[in-house]
N, C-alpha and C. Protein backbone atom coordinates (compact mmCIF):
# COMPACT_ATOMS: atom_id res chain seq x y z
N UNK A 1 -91.26 -15.76 -24.91
CA UNK A 1 -90.34 -15.77 -26.01
C UNK A 1 -89.29 -14.69 -25.79
N UNK A 2 -88.10 -15.01 -26.24
CA UNK A 2 -86.92 -14.17 -26.00
C UNK A 2 -86.89 -13.10 -27.07
N UNK A 3 -86.53 -11.89 -26.63
CA UNK A 3 -86.47 -10.79 -27.58
C UNK A 3 -85.08 -10.65 -28.20
N UNK A 4 -84.91 -9.59 -28.99
CA UNK A 4 -83.63 -9.31 -29.66
C UNK A 4 -82.59 -8.86 -28.64
N UNK A 5 -81.31 -9.10 -28.98
CA UNK A 5 -80.20 -8.68 -28.12
C UNK A 5 -80.11 -7.17 -28.17
N UNK A 6 -79.99 -6.60 -26.98
CA UNK A 6 -79.89 -5.14 -26.91
C UNK A 6 -78.45 -4.66 -27.06
N UNK A 7 -78.30 -3.33 -26.97
CA UNK A 7 -76.96 -2.74 -27.08
C UNK A 7 -76.16 -3.07 -25.83
N UNK A 8 -74.88 -3.11 -26.02
CA UNK A 8 -73.97 -3.43 -24.91
C UNK A 8 -73.98 -2.28 -23.92
N UNK A 9 -74.04 -2.61 -22.65
CA UNK A 9 -74.07 -1.58 -21.61
C UNK A 9 -72.66 -1.11 -21.23
N UNK A 10 -72.56 -0.12 -20.34
CA UNK A 10 -71.25 0.40 -19.93
C UNK A 10 -70.49 -0.65 -19.10
N UNK A 11 -69.11 -0.47 -19.05
CA UNK A 11 -68.29 -1.40 -18.27
C UNK A 11 -68.61 -1.26 -16.80
N UNK A 12 -68.57 -2.36 -16.09
CA UNK A 12 -68.81 -2.33 -14.65
C UNK A 12 -67.55 -1.98 -13.87
N UNK A 13 -67.69 -1.92 -12.57
CA UNK A 13 -66.54 -1.61 -11.70
C UNK A 13 -65.56 -2.78 -11.74
N UNK A 14 -64.24 -2.43 -11.53
CA UNK A 14 -63.17 -3.43 -11.54
C UNK A 14 -63.33 -4.30 -10.30
N UNK A 15 -63.25 -5.59 -10.48
CA UNK A 15 -63.35 -6.51 -9.36
C UNK A 15 -62.02 -6.69 -8.65
N UNK A 16 -62.02 -7.46 -7.59
CA UNK A 16 -60.79 -7.74 -6.83
C UNK A 16 -59.88 -8.63 -7.66
N UNK A 17 -58.54 -8.44 -7.46
CA UNK A 17 -57.56 -9.25 -8.18
C UNK A 17 -57.62 -10.68 -7.68
N UNK A 18 -57.47 -11.59 -8.59
CA UNK A 18 -57.43 -12.99 -8.22
C UNK A 18 -56.02 -13.42 -7.86
N UNK A 19 -55.85 -14.66 -7.49
CA UNK A 19 -54.52 -15.18 -7.16
C UNK A 19 -53.70 -15.33 -8.43
N UNK A 20 -52.35 -15.21 -8.25
CA UNK A 20 -51.46 -15.38 -9.39
C UNK A 20 -51.52 -16.82 -9.86
N UNK A 21 -51.44 -16.96 -11.15
CA UNK A 21 -51.42 -18.29 -11.72
C UNK A 21 -50.02 -18.88 -11.70
N UNK A 22 -49.85 -20.09 -12.16
CA UNK A 22 -48.52 -20.71 -12.19
C UNK A 22 -47.62 -20.00 -13.20
N UNK A 23 -46.31 -20.07 -12.95
CA UNK A 23 -45.33 -19.43 -13.84
C UNK A 23 -45.37 -20.11 -15.20
N UNK A 24 -45.32 -19.31 -16.23
CA UNK A 24 -45.37 -19.85 -17.58
C UNK A 24 -44.00 -20.34 -18.04
N UNK A 25 -43.94 -20.97 -19.19
CA UNK A 25 -42.66 -21.47 -19.71
C UNK A 25 -41.77 -20.30 -20.16
N UNK A 26 -40.45 -20.57 -20.25
CA UNK A 26 -39.50 -19.55 -20.73
C UNK A 26 -39.86 -19.16 -22.15
N UNK A 27 -39.70 -17.88 -22.43
CA UNK A 27 -39.96 -17.39 -23.77
C UNK A 27 -38.77 -17.62 -24.68
N UNK A 28 -38.94 -17.26 -25.92
CA UNK A 28 -37.89 -17.39 -26.93
C UNK A 28 -36.84 -16.31 -26.66
N UNK A 29 -35.53 -16.67 -26.83
CA UNK A 29 -34.45 -15.71 -26.60
C UNK A 29 -34.59 -14.56 -27.58
N UNK A 30 -34.41 -13.35 -27.05
CA UNK A 30 -34.54 -12.15 -27.88
C UNK A 30 -33.29 -11.89 -28.70
N UNK A 31 -33.36 -10.85 -29.52
CA UNK A 31 -32.22 -10.45 -30.35
C UNK A 31 -31.14 -9.80 -29.48
N UNK A 32 -29.90 -9.90 -29.94
CA UNK A 32 -28.77 -9.29 -29.23
C UNK A 32 -28.93 -7.78 -29.25
N UNK A 33 -28.66 -7.15 -28.10
CA UNK A 33 -28.76 -5.70 -27.99
C UNK A 33 -27.58 -5.00 -28.63
N UNK A 34 -27.67 -3.68 -28.71
CA UNK A 34 -26.58 -2.90 -29.30
C UNK A 34 -25.44 -2.74 -28.29
N UNK A 35 -24.26 -2.43 -28.79
CA UNK A 35 -23.07 -2.26 -27.95
C UNK A 35 -23.24 -1.00 -27.12
N UNK A 36 -22.91 -1.10 -25.84
CA UNK A 36 -22.99 0.05 -24.95
C UNK A 36 -21.78 0.95 -25.06
N UNK A 37 -21.84 2.06 -24.35
CA UNK A 37 -20.72 3.01 -24.34
C UNK A 37 -19.53 2.40 -23.60
N UNK A 38 -18.30 2.78 -23.96
CA UNK A 38 -17.12 2.24 -23.26
C UNK A 38 -17.15 2.62 -21.78
N UNK A 39 -16.67 1.73 -20.94
CA UNK A 39 -16.59 1.99 -19.50
C UNK A 39 -15.37 2.83 -19.16
N UNK A 40 -15.28 3.20 -17.91
CA UNK A 40 -14.12 3.95 -17.43
C UNK A 40 -12.90 3.03 -17.39
N UNK A 41 -11.73 3.53 -17.77
CA UNK A 41 -10.53 2.68 -17.67
C UNK A 41 -10.20 2.40 -16.20
N UNK A 42 -9.63 1.24 -15.96
CA UNK A 42 -9.22 0.89 -14.60
C UNK A 42 -8.13 1.85 -14.15
N UNK A 43 -8.21 2.26 -12.91
CA UNK A 43 -7.17 3.15 -12.37
C UNK A 43 -6.06 2.30 -11.80
N UNK A 44 -4.85 2.62 -12.17
CA UNK A 44 -3.68 1.93 -11.65
C UNK A 44 -2.97 2.87 -10.69
N UNK A 45 -2.59 2.35 -9.56
CA UNK A 45 -1.91 3.14 -8.55
C UNK A 45 -0.50 2.60 -8.37
N UNK A 46 0.45 3.50 -8.28
CA UNK A 46 1.84 3.11 -8.12
C UNK A 46 2.50 3.95 -7.04
N UNK A 47 3.41 3.35 -6.34
CA UNK A 47 4.29 4.05 -5.40
C UNK A 47 5.50 3.15 -5.22
N UNK A 48 6.69 3.70 -5.38
CA UNK A 48 7.91 2.91 -5.23
C UNK A 48 9.09 3.84 -4.99
N UNK A 49 10.01 3.37 -4.16
CA UNK A 49 11.25 4.11 -3.96
C UNK A 49 12.36 3.13 -3.60
N UNK A 50 13.58 3.53 -3.87
CA UNK A 50 14.76 2.79 -3.44
C UNK A 50 15.87 3.82 -3.29
N UNK A 51 16.40 3.92 -2.06
CA UNK A 51 17.42 4.92 -1.76
C UNK A 51 18.60 4.24 -1.07
N UNK A 52 19.73 4.93 -1.05
CA UNK A 52 20.92 4.38 -0.41
C UNK A 52 21.68 5.46 0.34
N UNK A 53 22.66 5.00 1.11
CA UNK A 53 23.50 5.92 1.88
C UNK A 53 24.95 5.48 1.72
N UNK A 54 25.83 6.44 1.45
CA UNK A 54 27.26 6.17 1.28
C UNK A 54 28.09 6.68 2.44
N UNK A 55 27.46 7.17 3.48
CA UNK A 55 28.20 7.69 4.64
C UNK A 55 27.85 6.86 5.87
N UNK A 56 28.85 6.57 6.67
CA UNK A 56 28.63 5.83 7.91
C UNK A 56 27.78 6.68 8.85
N UNK A 57 27.19 6.01 9.83
CA UNK A 57 26.37 6.72 10.82
C UNK A 57 26.69 6.15 12.19
N UNK A 58 26.99 7.04 13.15
CA UNK A 58 27.32 6.64 14.52
C UNK A 58 26.26 7.16 15.47
N UNK A 59 26.08 6.43 16.57
CA UNK A 59 25.06 6.82 17.54
C UNK A 59 25.40 8.15 18.20
N UNK A 60 24.37 8.76 18.72
CA UNK A 60 24.47 10.04 19.40
C UNK A 60 23.68 9.91 20.70
N UNK A 61 23.50 11.00 21.41
CA UNK A 61 22.74 10.97 22.66
C UNK A 61 21.24 10.95 22.41
N UNK A 62 20.83 10.99 21.17
CA UNK A 62 19.41 11.03 20.82
C UNK A 62 19.18 10.12 19.61
N UNK A 63 17.92 9.76 19.41
CA UNK A 63 17.57 8.98 18.22
C UNK A 63 17.84 9.82 16.98
N UNK A 64 18.31 9.16 15.92
CA UNK A 64 18.59 9.87 14.67
C UNK A 64 17.79 9.26 13.52
N UNK A 65 17.21 10.11 12.73
CA UNK A 65 16.58 9.67 11.49
C UNK A 65 17.69 9.45 10.47
N UNK A 66 17.66 8.31 9.80
CA UNK A 66 18.67 8.06 8.79
C UNK A 66 18.31 8.84 7.53
N UNK A 67 19.23 9.69 7.11
CA UNK A 67 19.07 10.46 5.89
C UNK A 67 19.87 9.76 4.79
N UNK A 68 19.30 9.67 3.61
CA UNK A 68 19.92 8.96 2.50
C UNK A 68 20.47 9.97 1.49
N UNK A 69 21.55 9.57 0.81
CA UNK A 69 22.20 10.49 -0.13
C UNK A 69 22.18 10.01 -1.58
N UNK A 70 21.63 8.82 -1.81
CA UNK A 70 21.59 8.26 -3.15
C UNK A 70 20.16 7.85 -3.48
N UNK A 71 19.67 8.32 -4.61
CA UNK A 71 18.31 8.00 -5.03
C UNK A 71 18.39 7.08 -6.24
N UNK A 72 17.92 5.85 -6.09
CA UNK A 72 17.89 4.91 -7.21
C UNK A 72 16.56 5.04 -7.96
N UNK A 73 15.46 4.99 -7.21
CA UNK A 73 14.11 5.15 -7.76
C UNK A 73 13.32 5.97 -6.75
N UNK A 74 12.55 6.93 -7.24
CA UNK A 74 11.68 7.71 -6.35
C UNK A 74 10.47 8.15 -7.16
N UNK A 75 9.60 7.17 -7.44
CA UNK A 75 8.43 7.39 -8.26
C UNK A 75 7.54 8.45 -7.63
N UNK A 76 7.27 9.51 -8.37
CA UNK A 76 6.41 10.62 -7.96
C UNK A 76 6.95 11.38 -6.75
N UNK A 77 8.19 11.13 -6.33
CA UNK A 77 8.79 11.88 -5.24
C UNK A 77 8.17 11.62 -3.88
N UNK A 78 7.60 10.44 -3.66
CA UNK A 78 6.97 10.14 -2.38
C UNK A 78 7.98 9.96 -1.25
N UNK A 79 9.25 9.68 -1.59
CA UNK A 79 10.30 9.61 -0.57
C UNK A 79 11.00 10.96 -0.54
N UNK A 80 11.05 11.56 0.64
CA UNK A 80 11.67 12.88 0.81
C UNK A 80 13.14 12.69 1.20
N UNK A 81 14.04 13.04 0.31
CA UNK A 81 15.48 12.85 0.55
C UNK A 81 16.00 13.76 1.66
N UNK A 82 15.34 14.87 1.93
CA UNK A 82 15.79 15.79 2.97
C UNK A 82 15.39 15.33 4.37
N UNK A 83 14.23 14.70 4.49
CA UNK A 83 13.77 14.23 5.81
C UNK A 83 14.09 12.76 6.04
N UNK A 84 14.38 12.01 4.97
CA UNK A 84 14.63 10.57 5.10
C UNK A 84 13.36 9.77 5.30
N UNK A 85 12.21 10.33 4.92
CA UNK A 85 10.93 9.67 5.19
C UNK A 85 10.13 9.45 3.90
N UNK A 86 9.46 8.28 3.86
CA UNK A 86 8.51 7.98 2.80
C UNK A 86 7.14 8.47 3.26
N UNK A 87 6.46 9.24 2.42
CA UNK A 87 5.13 9.75 2.73
C UNK A 87 4.10 8.99 1.90
N UNK A 88 3.08 8.47 2.57
CA UNK A 88 2.05 7.69 1.89
C UNK A 88 1.00 8.64 1.29
N UNK A 89 0.88 8.59 -0.03
CA UNK A 89 -0.16 9.33 -0.74
C UNK A 89 -1.22 8.39 -1.29
N UNK A 90 -0.90 7.10 -1.37
CA UNK A 90 -1.83 6.08 -1.88
C UNK A 90 -2.01 5.04 -0.78
N UNK A 91 -3.13 5.09 -0.04
CA UNK A 91 -3.35 4.11 1.03
C UNK A 91 -3.36 2.69 0.47
N UNK A 92 -2.83 1.75 1.25
CA UNK A 92 -2.82 0.36 0.83
C UNK A 92 -1.78 -0.45 1.56
N UNK A 93 -1.45 -1.61 0.98
CA UNK A 93 -0.46 -2.52 1.55
C UNK A 93 0.87 -2.28 0.84
N UNK A 94 1.93 -2.09 1.62
CA UNK A 94 3.27 -1.80 1.09
C UNK A 94 4.27 -2.84 1.59
N UNK A 95 5.31 -3.06 0.80
CA UNK A 95 6.44 -3.90 1.19
C UNK A 95 7.65 -2.99 1.35
N UNK A 96 8.39 -3.17 2.46
CA UNK A 96 9.59 -2.38 2.74
C UNK A 96 10.76 -3.32 3.03
N UNK A 97 11.95 -2.91 2.62
CA UNK A 97 13.16 -3.66 2.97
C UNK A 97 14.26 -2.69 3.34
N UNK A 98 15.07 -3.12 4.30
CA UNK A 98 16.20 -2.34 4.79
C UNK A 98 17.41 -3.25 4.80
N UNK A 99 18.52 -2.79 4.24
CA UNK A 99 19.78 -3.54 4.24
C UNK A 99 20.87 -2.63 4.77
N UNK A 100 21.68 -3.16 5.68
CA UNK A 100 22.75 -2.35 6.28
C UNK A 100 23.98 -3.22 6.51
N UNK A 101 25.13 -2.59 6.45
CA UNK A 101 26.41 -3.25 6.70
C UNK A 101 26.84 -2.90 8.12
N UNK A 102 27.09 -3.92 8.93
CA UNK A 102 27.49 -3.67 10.32
C UNK A 102 28.96 -3.27 10.38
N UNK A 103 29.35 -2.73 11.52
CA UNK A 103 30.70 -2.25 11.73
C UNK A 103 31.38 -3.20 12.72
N UNK A 104 32.63 -3.58 12.44
CA UNK A 104 33.37 -4.46 13.36
C UNK A 104 33.38 -3.86 14.76
N UNK A 105 33.15 -4.71 15.75
CA UNK A 105 33.22 -4.36 17.17
C UNK A 105 32.16 -3.35 17.61
N UNK A 106 31.18 -3.08 16.77
CA UNK A 106 30.12 -2.14 17.14
C UNK A 106 28.76 -2.79 16.93
N UNK A 107 27.83 -2.37 17.73
CA UNK A 107 26.46 -2.85 17.62
C UNK A 107 25.76 -2.07 16.51
N UNK A 108 24.87 -2.74 15.80
CA UNK A 108 24.01 -2.06 14.82
C UNK A 108 22.58 -2.23 15.29
N UNK A 109 21.89 -1.11 15.48
CA UNK A 109 20.57 -1.12 16.11
C UNK A 109 19.70 -0.08 15.42
N UNK A 110 18.91 -0.54 14.46
CA UNK A 110 18.04 0.34 13.68
C UNK A 110 16.59 -0.08 13.84
N UNK A 111 15.69 0.87 13.80
CA UNK A 111 14.26 0.58 13.79
C UNK A 111 13.66 1.05 12.47
N UNK A 112 12.80 0.23 11.91
CA UNK A 112 11.96 0.67 10.80
C UNK A 112 10.70 1.21 11.45
N UNK A 113 10.42 2.49 11.22
CA UNK A 113 9.36 3.21 11.92
C UNK A 113 8.17 3.47 11.00
N UNK A 114 6.97 3.39 11.58
CA UNK A 114 5.74 3.87 10.93
C UNK A 114 5.23 5.00 11.81
N UNK A 115 5.28 6.20 11.30
CA UNK A 115 4.99 7.39 12.08
C UNK A 115 5.95 7.40 13.27
N UNK A 116 5.48 7.34 14.50
CA UNK A 116 6.37 7.32 15.67
C UNK A 116 6.43 5.95 16.33
N UNK A 117 5.95 4.92 15.63
CA UNK A 117 5.88 3.58 16.20
C UNK A 117 6.95 2.67 15.59
N UNK A 118 7.68 1.96 16.46
CA UNK A 118 8.68 0.99 16.01
C UNK A 118 7.96 -0.22 15.44
N UNK A 119 8.22 -0.55 14.18
CA UNK A 119 7.54 -1.67 13.54
C UNK A 119 8.44 -2.90 13.44
N UNK A 120 9.73 -2.70 13.22
CA UNK A 120 10.67 -3.82 13.10
C UNK A 120 12.05 -3.31 13.47
N UNK A 121 12.91 -4.24 13.84
CA UNK A 121 14.28 -3.88 14.22
C UNK A 121 15.26 -4.60 13.30
N UNK A 122 16.34 -3.92 12.99
CA UNK A 122 17.48 -4.56 12.34
C UNK A 122 18.59 -4.46 13.37
N UNK A 123 19.08 -5.61 13.82
CA UNK A 123 20.02 -5.62 14.93
C UNK A 123 21.16 -6.59 14.65
N UNK A 124 22.37 -6.19 15.04
CA UNK A 124 23.53 -7.08 15.00
C UNK A 124 24.39 -6.78 16.23
N UNK A 125 24.80 -7.85 16.91
CA UNK A 125 25.68 -7.69 18.08
C UNK A 125 27.09 -7.35 17.63
N UNK A 126 27.87 -6.73 18.52
CA UNK A 126 29.27 -6.47 18.18
C UNK A 126 29.98 -7.79 17.84
N UNK A 127 30.84 -7.75 16.84
CA UNK A 127 31.50 -8.96 16.38
C UNK A 127 32.84 -8.58 15.74
N UNK A 128 33.72 -9.59 15.61
CA UNK A 128 34.99 -9.36 14.92
C UNK A 128 34.79 -9.19 13.42
N UNK A 129 33.64 -9.61 12.92
CA UNK A 129 33.37 -9.53 11.49
C UNK A 129 32.21 -8.58 11.22
N UNK A 130 32.31 -7.87 10.15
CA UNK A 130 31.17 -7.08 9.71
C UNK A 130 30.33 -7.94 8.78
N UNK A 131 29.03 -7.74 8.81
CA UNK A 131 28.12 -8.53 7.97
C UNK A 131 27.03 -7.62 7.40
N UNK A 132 26.40 -8.12 6.34
CA UNK A 132 25.22 -7.44 5.81
C UNK A 132 24.01 -7.99 6.56
N UNK A 133 23.18 -7.10 7.05
CA UNK A 133 21.95 -7.47 7.74
C UNK A 133 20.78 -6.95 6.92
N UNK A 134 19.66 -7.65 6.98
CA UNK A 134 18.48 -7.14 6.27
C UNK A 134 17.22 -7.40 7.10
N UNK A 135 16.22 -6.61 6.82
CA UNK A 135 14.92 -6.73 7.46
C UNK A 135 13.88 -6.32 6.42
N UNK A 136 12.78 -7.03 6.38
CA UNK A 136 11.70 -6.65 5.46
C UNK A 136 10.36 -6.95 6.11
N UNK A 137 9.35 -6.22 5.69
CA UNK A 137 8.01 -6.43 6.21
C UNK A 137 7.00 -5.74 5.31
N UNK A 138 5.73 -6.11 5.49
CA UNK A 138 4.63 -5.44 4.82
C UNK A 138 3.88 -4.63 5.85
N UNK A 139 3.42 -3.45 5.46
CA UNK A 139 2.66 -2.58 6.34
C UNK A 139 1.42 -2.07 5.61
N UNK A 140 0.34 -1.93 6.36
CA UNK A 140 -0.84 -1.27 5.82
C UNK A 140 -0.74 0.20 6.17
N UNK A 141 -0.78 1.05 5.16
CA UNK A 141 -0.62 2.49 5.37
C UNK A 141 -1.86 3.25 4.95
N UNK A 142 -2.09 4.36 5.63
CA UNK A 142 -3.15 5.30 5.29
C UNK A 142 -2.50 6.58 4.76
N UNK A 143 -3.29 7.44 4.15
CA UNK A 143 -2.79 8.71 3.65
C UNK A 143 -2.08 9.47 4.76
N UNK A 144 -0.93 10.04 4.45
CA UNK A 144 -0.09 10.84 5.36
C UNK A 144 0.72 10.02 6.36
N UNK A 145 0.62 8.69 6.36
CA UNK A 145 1.54 7.90 7.19
C UNK A 145 2.95 8.10 6.66
N UNK A 146 3.92 7.97 7.56
CA UNK A 146 5.33 8.12 7.20
C UNK A 146 6.09 6.87 7.63
N UNK A 147 6.99 6.41 6.77
CA UNK A 147 7.84 5.26 7.09
C UNK A 147 9.28 5.72 6.94
N UNK A 148 10.10 5.39 7.95
CA UNK A 148 11.46 5.89 7.98
C UNK A 148 12.33 5.00 8.85
N UNK A 149 13.64 5.24 8.83
CA UNK A 149 14.61 4.43 9.58
C UNK A 149 15.20 5.30 10.69
N UNK A 150 15.28 4.71 11.88
CA UNK A 150 15.82 5.43 13.04
C UNK A 150 16.98 4.65 13.64
N UNK A 151 18.10 5.36 13.87
CA UNK A 151 19.25 4.79 14.57
C UNK A 151 19.02 4.97 16.06
N UNK A 152 19.22 3.89 16.81
CA UNK A 152 19.00 3.93 18.25
C UNK A 152 19.96 4.92 18.90
N UNK A 153 19.53 5.51 20.00
CA UNK A 153 20.38 6.50 20.67
C UNK A 153 21.57 5.84 21.33
N UNK A 154 22.55 6.66 21.74
CA UNK A 154 23.86 6.18 22.15
C UNK A 154 24.01 5.60 23.53
N UNK A 155 23.09 4.76 23.97
CA UNK A 155 23.31 4.06 25.24
C UNK A 155 24.44 3.05 25.10
N UNK A 156 24.64 2.57 23.87
CA UNK A 156 25.74 1.67 23.54
C UNK A 156 26.40 2.22 22.29
N UNK A 157 27.62 1.77 22.03
CA UNK A 157 28.27 2.23 20.80
C UNK A 157 27.59 1.55 19.62
N UNK A 158 26.94 2.32 18.83
CA UNK A 158 26.04 1.85 17.79
C UNK A 158 26.43 2.52 16.48
N UNK A 159 26.57 1.75 15.41
CA UNK A 159 27.00 2.35 14.15
C UNK A 159 26.56 1.49 12.97
N UNK A 160 26.51 2.14 11.81
CA UNK A 160 26.26 1.48 10.54
C UNK A 160 27.42 1.86 9.63
N UNK A 161 28.04 0.84 9.02
CA UNK A 161 29.22 1.08 8.20
C UNK A 161 28.84 1.54 6.79
N UNK A 162 29.68 2.38 6.25
CA UNK A 162 29.64 2.72 4.83
C UNK A 162 30.91 3.48 4.51
N UNK A 163 31.15 3.74 3.25
CA UNK A 163 32.28 4.59 2.87
C UNK A 163 31.79 5.57 1.82
N UNK A 164 32.64 6.43 1.36
CA UNK A 164 32.21 7.47 0.43
C UNK A 164 32.10 6.99 -1.01
N UNK A 165 32.41 5.72 -1.28
CA UNK A 165 32.44 5.23 -2.65
C UNK A 165 31.31 4.26 -2.97
N UNK A 166 31.04 3.36 -2.04
CA UNK A 166 30.04 2.32 -2.28
C UNK A 166 28.80 2.55 -1.43
N UNK A 167 27.70 1.99 -1.88
CA UNK A 167 26.44 2.10 -1.13
C UNK A 167 26.27 0.84 -0.30
N UNK A 168 26.42 0.97 1.01
CA UNK A 168 26.29 -0.17 1.91
C UNK A 168 24.93 -0.22 2.61
N UNK A 169 24.18 0.84 2.53
CA UNK A 169 22.89 0.93 3.22
C UNK A 169 21.82 1.22 2.17
N UNK A 170 20.78 0.39 2.13
CA UNK A 170 19.67 0.64 1.20
C UNK A 170 18.34 0.51 1.92
N UNK A 171 17.38 1.28 1.46
CA UNK A 171 16.01 1.28 2.00
C UNK A 171 15.08 1.39 0.80
N UNK A 172 14.15 0.43 0.68
CA UNK A 172 13.26 0.39 -0.47
C UNK A 172 11.84 0.08 -0.03
N UNK A 173 10.88 0.51 -0.83
CA UNK A 173 9.49 0.20 -0.55
C UNK A 173 8.65 0.36 -1.80
N UNK A 174 7.55 -0.39 -1.86
CA UNK A 174 6.64 -0.25 -3.00
C UNK A 174 5.24 -0.70 -2.61
N UNK A 175 4.27 -0.16 -3.32
CA UNK A 175 2.87 -0.47 -3.11
C UNK A 175 2.56 -1.84 -3.70
N UNK A 176 1.96 -2.70 -2.89
CA UNK A 176 1.53 -4.02 -3.37
C UNK A 176 0.09 -3.94 -3.87
N UNK A 177 -0.79 -3.34 -3.06
CA UNK A 177 -2.21 -3.25 -3.43
C UNK A 177 -2.80 -1.99 -2.82
N UNK A 178 -3.38 -1.16 -3.67
CA UNK A 178 -4.03 0.06 -3.20
C UNK A 178 -5.32 -0.29 -2.48
N UNK A 179 -5.63 0.45 -1.44
CA UNK A 179 -6.85 0.24 -0.66
C UNK A 179 -8.10 0.40 -1.54
N UNK A 180 -8.04 1.31 -2.50
CA UNK A 180 -9.20 1.59 -3.36
C UNK A 180 -9.51 0.45 -4.33
N UNK A 181 -8.60 -0.51 -4.47
CA UNK A 181 -8.85 -1.66 -5.35
C UNK A 181 -9.80 -2.66 -4.72
N UNK A 182 -10.11 -2.46 -3.44
CA UNK A 182 -11.09 -3.31 -2.76
C UNK A 182 -10.60 -4.58 -2.22
């Protein structure tokens, strides 16, 4: 004959884990959480300049940096009017344009430079007529890169027309997309 049930004994040792069972059904959607703290504002990066020259420039025995005398736009002073060079402080993709008026019977031979490298040429052969020439391009720049215009040295009679009243030569550039934007 069976006796009375005794007191419950102590818990035994933990056994080995079994295999995972099948995934259960999706639960009920929970309540909406509270509003989080505001995020950081997006950083906007800008760089832009537009300069002009009212004085003609003639070739010499050496390459010449074109110096500009008229400032239309120079956001944050990234274009140095004394050196004639744009200094990159915001790495990224930039658009540049150069416009120049040629001189009758003279060649016009300019390079758009990135640091010491020729990136593009603005060229016009000697002609009975003067014309407006333009060149534009996009460049990827890093911090401290410099972009500037160079007049070819005097192996040939080379000049860019202008007068003291009107602006015949313009050089402009602006940031399209900062590198930090990804």
